[in-house]
Amino acid sequence: MITLSGLPAVPCSGAEGNMQKHTYLLTVRNAHGTQKKTIVVTVTVHEIRQVN
């Protein structure tokens, strides 16, 4: 099992509560060659207001 953390935040556009999909291509290169895996992440848009 692989756990991913520290992925960069991807800005979402849309209204509060909208669902967005982001697609990531993961690539591993090692002694056995190159393997690729595509994952799709579904997120809910939330507005974060700027704090002065």
C-alpha atoms as a PDB file:
ATOM      1  CA  MET A   1       0.000   0.000   0.000  1.00  0.00           C
ATOM      2  CA  ILE A   2       1.253   3.489  -0.863  1.00  0.00           C
ATOM      3  CA  THR A   3       0.121   6.525   1.089  1.00  0.00           C
ATOM      4  CA  LEU A   4       0.471   9.877  -0.627  1.00  0.00           C
ATOM      5  CA  SER A   5       0.965  13.006   1.384  1.00  0.00           C
ATOM      6  CA  GLY A   6       2.360  16.405   0.643  1.00  0.00           C
ATOM      7  CA  LEU A   7       0.778  16.747  -2.776  1.00  0.00           C
ATOM      8  CA  PRO A   8       0.604  20.406  -3.756  1.00  0.00           C
ATOM      9  CA  ALA A   9      -2.712  22.158  -3.283  1.00  0.00           C
ATOM     10  CA  VAL A  10      -4.563  22.564  -6.554  1.00  0.00           C
ATOM     11  CA  PRO A  11      -6.779  25.617  -6.738  1.00  0.00           C
ATOM     12  CA  CYS A  12     -10.396  24.796  -7.466  1.00  0.00           C
ATOM     13  CA  SER A  13     -12.754  27.119  -9.203  1.00  0.00           C
ATOM     14  CA  GLY A  14     -16.484  27.075  -8.770  1.00  0.00           C
ATOM     15  CA  ALA A  15     -19.117  27.840  -6.224  1.00  0.00           C
ATOM     16  CA  GLU A  16     -19.031  26.709  -2.600  1.00  0.00           C
ATOM     17  CA  GLY A  17     -19.984  23.038  -2.399  1.00  0.00           C
ATOM     18  CA  ASN A  18     -19.303  22.217  -6.073  1.00  0.00           C
ATOM     19  CA  MET A  19     -17.510  18.941  -6.770  1.00  0.00           C
ATOM     20  CA  GLN A  20     -14.258  19.050  -8.758  1.00  0.00           C
ATOM     21  CA  LYS A  21     -12.140  16.211 -10.126  1.00  0.00           C
ATOM     22  CA  HIS A  22      -8.338  16.338 -10.339  1.00  0.00           C
ATOM     23  CA  THR A  23      -6.311  13.748 -12.242  1.00  0.00           C
ATOM     24  CA  TYR A  24      -2.747  12.840 -11.248  1.00  0.00           C
ATOM     25  CA  LEU A  25      -0.289  10.678 -13.167  1.00  0.00           C
ATOM     26  CA  LEU A  26       2.068   8.860 -10.790  1.00  0.00           C
ATOM     27  CA  THR A  27       5.313   7.541 -12.257  1.00  0.00           C
ATOM     28  CA  VAL A  28       7.820   5.207 -10.577  1.00  0.00           C
ATOM     29  CA  ARG A  29      11.182   4.433 -12.129  1.00  0.00           C
ATOM     30  CA  ASN A  30      13.385   1.745 -10.598  1.00  0.00           C
ATOM     31  CA  ALA A  31      15.481  -1.301 -11.486  1.00  0.00           C
ATOM     32  CA  HIS A  32      12.337  -3.019 -12.807  1.00  0.00           C
ATOM     33  CA  GLY A  33      11.571  -0.240 -15.293  1.00  0.00           C
ATOM     34  CA  THR A  34       8.898   2.427 -15.322  1.00  0.00           C
ATOM     35  CA  GLN A  35       5.381   2.007 -14.016  1.00  0.00           C
ATOM     36  CA  LYS A  36       2.592   4.561 -14.319  1.00  0.00           C
ATOM     37  CA  LYS A  37      -0.718   4.858 -12.535  1.00  0.00           C
ATOM     38  CA  THR A  38      -3.421   7.475 -12.984  1.00  0.00           C
ATOM     39  CA  ILE A  39      -5.555   8.430 -10.012  1.00  0.00           C
ATOM     40  CA  VAL A  40      -8.606  10.685  -9.960  1.00  0.00           C
ATOM     41  CA  VAL A  41      -9.380  12.645  -6.810  1.00  0.00           C
ATOM     42  CA  THR A  42     -12.819  14.171  -6.230  1.00  0.00           C
ATOM     43  CA  VAL A  43     -12.923  17.210  -3.951  1.00  0.00           C
ATOM     44  CA  THR A  44     -15.539  19.628  -2.665  1.00  0.00           C
ATOM     45  CA  VAL A  45     -14.902  23.346  -3.243  1.00  0.00           C
ATOM     46  CA  HIS A  46     -14.767  25.433  -0.045  1.00  0.00           C
ATOM     47  CA  GLU A  47     -14.168  29.153   0.032  1.00  0.00           C
ATOM     48  CA  ILE A  48     -11.345  30.245   2.315  1.00  0.00           C
ATOM     49  CA  ARG A  49     -11.555  33.937   2.982  1.00  0.00           C
ATOM     50  CA  GLN A  50      -8.391  36.002   3.162  1.00  0.00           C
ATOM     51  CA  VAL A  51      -7.399  37.085   6.668  1.00  0.00           C
ATOM     52  CA  ASN A  52      -5.719  40.465   6.978  1.00  0.00           C
END
